[in-house]
Amino acid sequence: MLEYSEACERNKRPILEILRDALVDSGSVLEIGAGTGQHAVFFTRDLEHVTWTPTERPAGVAALRARVEVEGGGNVSAPLELDVNDDPWPAAVRDREYDAVYSANTLHIMSWTSVEALFDGVGGVLARGGTLCVYGPFRYGREFTTPSNARFDESLRARDPDSGIRDFEAVSALARDQGLELRADHAMPANNQLLIWRRRTGI
C-alpha cells in the first residue's frame, strides 16, 4: 500500500492553481522533500510541459519511488536521494540546473541550520531567472497569523526544539542572499502561504 498524506490531498488543488502561472515558463522542476509523492504525480498530470524531479531523504526514497512507479507519468523523473544538509549536495541532484525549485511543508519541520542549507543548495542548482516556490506556514513580524498556527508551533517545538514555524523576514533574507526577489506571497487554505521568488538573471 502506498503511503498517503491527507494534508497533501487537501492542499494539492489550491497549490496547483498558483503553480500553473508560476511555472508557465519552467521546463524542469526540482522538488525538495517530496514525501509521499502525491504532489509530484498530481501536478505533472496538469503541467505537461514540466519535467519534475522529486527528492527525499534516504529513509523516505523507497516510499516516494513506489508512488512514482505506480502513478507517475512520463514527465516525473525517478526520485533522487537528497538530504539538504549534505555538503555538497549529491552529484545526481547538482549535475544540472533547474528552471524551478518547489518545496512544501518542509521549513518548519527542519532545523534553522537545515533551512539555511536548503537555500544555499538552491543557490547552486537554480538557473538564472529561475523560480523558487515554498509552501507552508510562516510568521510575520514575529507574530503568528492565527492562534491555531501558534498552537501548531508549540507542538512542533515540543517534538523537536529545533523545528518550528519560520519568520517570513528571516527566510526572505536567505532568499535575497541567493539573488532571489519575492514576486508573490499567496495566502492559502489552512493558514499557509505559497511564496514565489524569481532569481535575477545576472546571478
Protein backbone atom coordinates (compact mmCIF):
# COMPACT_ATOMS: atom_id res chain seq x y z
CA MET A 1 0.00 0.00 0.00
CA LEU A 2 1.28 3.45 -0.93
CA GLU A 3 1.98 5.95 1.83
CA TYR A 4 -0.64 8.68 2.00
CA SER A 5 -0.80 12.23 3.35
CA GLU A 6 -4.21 13.76 3.99
CA ALA A 7 -2.64 17.24 4.07
CA CYS A 8 -1.21 16.74 0.56
CA GLU A 9 -4.59 15.63 -0.69
CA ARG A 10 -6.27 18.74 0.76
CA ASN A 11 -3.79 21.31 -0.47
CA LYS A 12 -2.76 19.97 -3.88
CA ARG A 13 -5.50 21.67 -5.90
CA PRO A 14 -5.07 25.19 -4.41
CA ILE A 15 -1.32 24.92 -4.88
CA LEU A 16 -1.69 23.79 -8.49
CA GLU A 17 -3.84 26.82 -9.26
CA ILE A 18 -0.86 29.03 -8.35
CA LEU A 19 1.79 26.83 -9.97
CA ARG A 20 0.07 26.92 -13.35
CA ASP A 21 1.06 30.57 -13.60
CA ALA A 22 4.29 30.49 -11.57
CA LEU A 23 5.77 27.62 -13.63
CA VAL A 24 4.41 28.54 -17.04
CA ASP A 25 7.94 29.14 -18.38
CA SER A 26 9.65 26.35 -16.43
CA GLY A 27 10.70 23.18 -18.20
CA SER A 28 12.43 21.45 -15.28
CA VAL A 29 11.47 21.42 -11.59
CA LEU A 30 13.32 20.03 -8.59
CA GLU A 31 11.10 19.15 -5.63
CA ILE A 32 12.81 19.13 -2.23
CA GLY A 33 11.14 16.91 0.36
CA ALA A 34 8.62 15.23 -1.93
CA GLY A 35 7.34 12.95 0.84
CA THR A 36 4.65 10.60 -0.42
CA GLY A 37 4.95 11.91 -3.98
CA GLN A 38 1.29 12.95 -4.15
CA HIS A 39 2.15 16.47 -5.24
CA ALA A 40 4.62 15.32 -7.88
CA VAL A 41 2.24 12.93 -9.62
CA PHE A 42 -0.76 15.26 -9.35
CA PHE A 43 0.91 18.44 -10.55
CA THR A 44 2.60 16.81 -13.52
CA ARG A 45 -0.65 15.48 -14.93
CA ASP A 46 -1.65 19.10 -15.44
CA LEU A 47 1.78 20.67 -16.03
CA GLU A 48 2.60 18.55 -19.03
CA HIS A 49 5.40 20.87 -20.18
CA VAL A 50 7.39 20.26 -16.99
CA THR A 51 9.89 17.52 -16.16
CA TRP A 52 9.59 17.06 -12.40
CA THR A 53 12.40 15.58 -10.31
CA PRO A 54 11.24 14.65 -6.77
CA THR A 55 13.75 14.19 -3.96
CA GLU A 56 13.57 12.90 -0.41
CA ARG A 57 15.93 11.96 2.40
CA PRO A 58 17.35 8.43 2.04
CA ALA A 59 14.91 6.87 4.52
CA GLY A 60 11.92 8.11 2.54
CA VAL A 61 13.02 7.45 -1.03
CA ALA A 62 11.58 3.92 -1.25
CA ALA A 63 8.04 5.09 -0.46
CA LEU A 64 8.39 8.01 -2.85
CA ARG A 65 9.69 5.75 -5.60
CA ALA A 66 6.78 3.35 -5.13
CA ARG A 67 4.21 6.08 -5.84
CA VAL A 68 6.10 7.43 -8.84
CA GLU A 69 6.33 3.94 -10.33
CA VAL A 70 2.61 3.31 -9.85
CA GLU A 71 1.08 6.73 -10.56
CA GLY A 72 3.75 8.87 -12.18
CA GLY A 73 3.63 9.87 -15.81
CA GLY A 74 6.45 10.21 -18.29
CA ASN A 75 7.35 13.68 -17.04
CA VAL A 76 8.13 12.54 -13.48
CA SER A 77 11.78 11.56 -13.17
CA ALA A 78 12.98 8.76 -10.94
CA PRO A 79 13.25 10.07 -7.35
CA LEU A 80 16.67 11.10 -6.07
CA GLU A 81 18.09 10.99 -2.58
CA LEU A 82 18.71 14.40 -1.03
CA ASP A 83 19.43 15.49 2.50
CA VAL A 84 19.74 19.28 2.34
CA ASN A 85 22.48 19.12 4.96
CA ASP A 86 24.78 17.24 2.58
CA ASP A 87 27.74 19.39 1.57
CA PRO A 88 27.95 19.30 -1.33
CA TRP A 89 24.59 18.04 -2.50
CA PRO A 90 24.71 14.69 -4.32
CA ALA A 91 26.05 14.90 -7.85
CA ALA A 92 22.85 13.35 -9.21
CA VAL A 93 20.97 16.43 -7.97
CA ARG A 94 23.51 19.15 -8.74
CA ASP A 95 24.71 17.92 -12.13
CA ARG A 96 22.20 20.20 -13.81
CA GLU A 97 20.38 23.48 -13.36
CA TYR A 98 16.63 23.61 -12.82
CA ASP A 99 14.20 26.22 -14.07
CA ALA A 100 12.32 25.98 -10.77
CA VAL A 101 12.58 24.52 -7.29
CA TYR A 102 9.49 23.60 -5.25
CA SER A 103 9.22 22.60 -1.59
CA ALA A 104 6.13 22.16 0.56
CA ASN A 105 5.77 21.77 4.33
CA THR A 106 9.49 21.39 4.92
CA LEU A 107 10.93 24.52 6.55
CA HIS A 108 9.00 24.15 9.80
CA ILE A 109 9.98 20.50 10.36
CA MET A 110 13.73 21.03 9.97
CA SER A 111 16.27 22.97 12.00
CA TRP A 112 17.18 26.53 11.09
CA THR A 113 20.63 25.29 10.08
CA SER A 114 18.92 22.95 7.63
CA VAL A 115 16.78 25.81 6.30
CA GLU A 116 19.99 27.74 5.63
CA ALA A 117 21.47 24.68 3.92
CA LEU A 118 18.38 24.33 1.75
CA PHE A 119 18.67 27.88 0.45
CA ASP A 120 22.41 27.51 -0.08
CA GLY A 121 21.75 24.38 -2.11
CA VAL A 122 19.02 26.06 -4.12
CA GLY A 123 21.50 28.77 -4.97
CA GLY A 124 23.70 26.15 -6.57
CA VAL A 125 21.07 24.46 -8.75
CA LEU A 126 18.54 27.15 -9.70
CA ALA A 127 19.05 28.65 -13.13
CA ARG A 128 19.28 32.38 -13.77
CA GLY A 129 15.77 33.72 -14.00
CA GLY A 130 14.55 30.57 -12.23
CA THR A 131 11.64 30.33 -9.80
CA LEU A 132 11.55 29.13 -6.20
CA CYS A 133 8.16 28.14 -4.72
CA VAL A 134 7.87 27.40 -1.00
CA TYR A 135 4.61 26.36 0.67
CA GLY A 136 3.91 26.26 4.40
CA PRO A 137 3.09 28.34 7.48
CA PHE A 138 5.07 31.49 8.35
CA ARG A 139 5.19 34.20 10.99
CA TYR A 140 5.17 37.88 10.03
CA GLY A 141 6.82 40.48 12.25
CA ARG A 142 7.41 37.62 14.71
CA GLU A 143 3.64 37.19 15.02
CA PHE A 144 1.63 34.10 14.12
CA THR A 145 -1.08 34.63 11.54
CA THR A 146 -3.63 32.66 13.59
CA PRO A 147 -3.96 31.15 17.09
CA SER A 148 -4.01 27.71 15.50
CA ASN A 149 -0.58 28.32 13.96
CA ALA A 150 0.73 29.34 17.39
CA ARG A 151 -0.54 26.05 18.80
CA PHE A 152 0.95 24.18 15.87
CA ASP A 153 4.32 25.82 16.54
CA GLU A 154 4.15 24.73 20.18
CA SER A 155 3.50 21.15 19.15
CA LEU A 156 6.39 21.22 16.67
CA ARG A 157 8.85 22.54 19.26
CA ALA A 158 7.64 20.05 21.87
CA ARG A 159 8.54 17.25 19.49
CA ASP A 160 11.77 18.84 18.23
CA PRO A 161 13.06 22.09 19.76
CA ASP A 162 14.99 22.87 16.57
CA SER A 163 11.84 22.91 14.43
CA GLY A 164 9.07 25.49 14.31
CA ILE A 165 7.23 27.94 12.09
CA ARG A 166 9.75 30.25 10.43
CA ASP A 167 9.79 34.03 10.25
CA PHE A 168 8.97 35.30 6.78
CA GLU A 169 11.58 38.05 7.13
CA ALA A 170 14.38 35.63 8.05
CA VAL A 171 13.54 33.29 5.19
CA SER A 172 13.34 36.21 2.77
CA ALA A 173 16.83 37.28 3.84
CA LEU A 174 18.16 33.83 2.93
CA ALA A 175 16.46 34.12 -0.45
CA ARG A 176 17.98 37.55 -1.09
CA ASP A 177 21.43 36.15 -0.34
CA GLN A 178 20.91 33.78 -3.29
CA GLY A 179 19.86 36.57 -5.64
CA LEU A 180 16.14 35.85 -5.31
CA GLU A 181 13.45 38.51 -5.41
CA LEU A 182 10.00 37.94 -3.92
CA ARG A 183 7.36 38.01 -6.65
CA ALA A 184 4.27 36.84 -4.76
CA ASP A 185 3.03 35.86 -1.31
CA HIS A 186 -0.21 33.92 -1.70
CA ALA A 187 -2.48 33.26 1.27
CA MET A 188 -3.55 29.63 1.10
CA PRO A 189 -6.08 27.42 2.90
CA ALA A 190 -5.36 26.12 6.40
CA ASN A 191 -3.33 29.21 7.36
CA ASN A 192 -0.48 28.53 4.95
CA GLN A 193 1.32 30.67 2.40
CA LEU A 194 2.82 29.99 -1.02
CA LEU A 195 5.87 32.19 -1.52
CA ILE A 196 7.22 32.73 -5.03
CA TRP A 197 10.72 34.08 -5.69
CA ARG A 198 12.43 34.71 -9.01
CA ARG A 199 16.21 34.62 -9.39
CA ARG A 200 17.76 37.67 -11.01
CA THR A 201 19.11 36.88 -14.45
CA GLY A 202 22.52 38.27 -13.56
CA ILE A 203 23.03 35.95 -10.56
